[in-house]
Amino acid sequence: MDYGFLGWIVVGLIAGVLAKWIMPGKDPGGIIVTILIGIAGGLIGGYIGSMVGLGGGNLVNILLATAGAILLLWIYRLVKARQA
């Protein structure tokens, strides 16, 4: 199933919530920034997944998006910690 850009945004919203749940803690931007990072992670995860031939199932797409969101959230926390 091909979600397209809008579908990956919706999946990214879910991924942002899951990433926040998997990586609890105080984020510099709060839940809104975490969800936006989830959307970006969903788009990046979807893009990379489609490039390597992954995807097609709802669970795979959510896992790809969540992995992308977790990675971006981790990078975001590292950058913010160094700025402080």
Foldseek 3Di string as FASTA:
>chain_A
DDQPLVNLQVLLQVLLVVLCVVDPDDDPVPSVVSSVLSSVLSVVLVVVCVVVVHDDDPVRSSVSSNVRSNVSSVVRRVVVVVVD
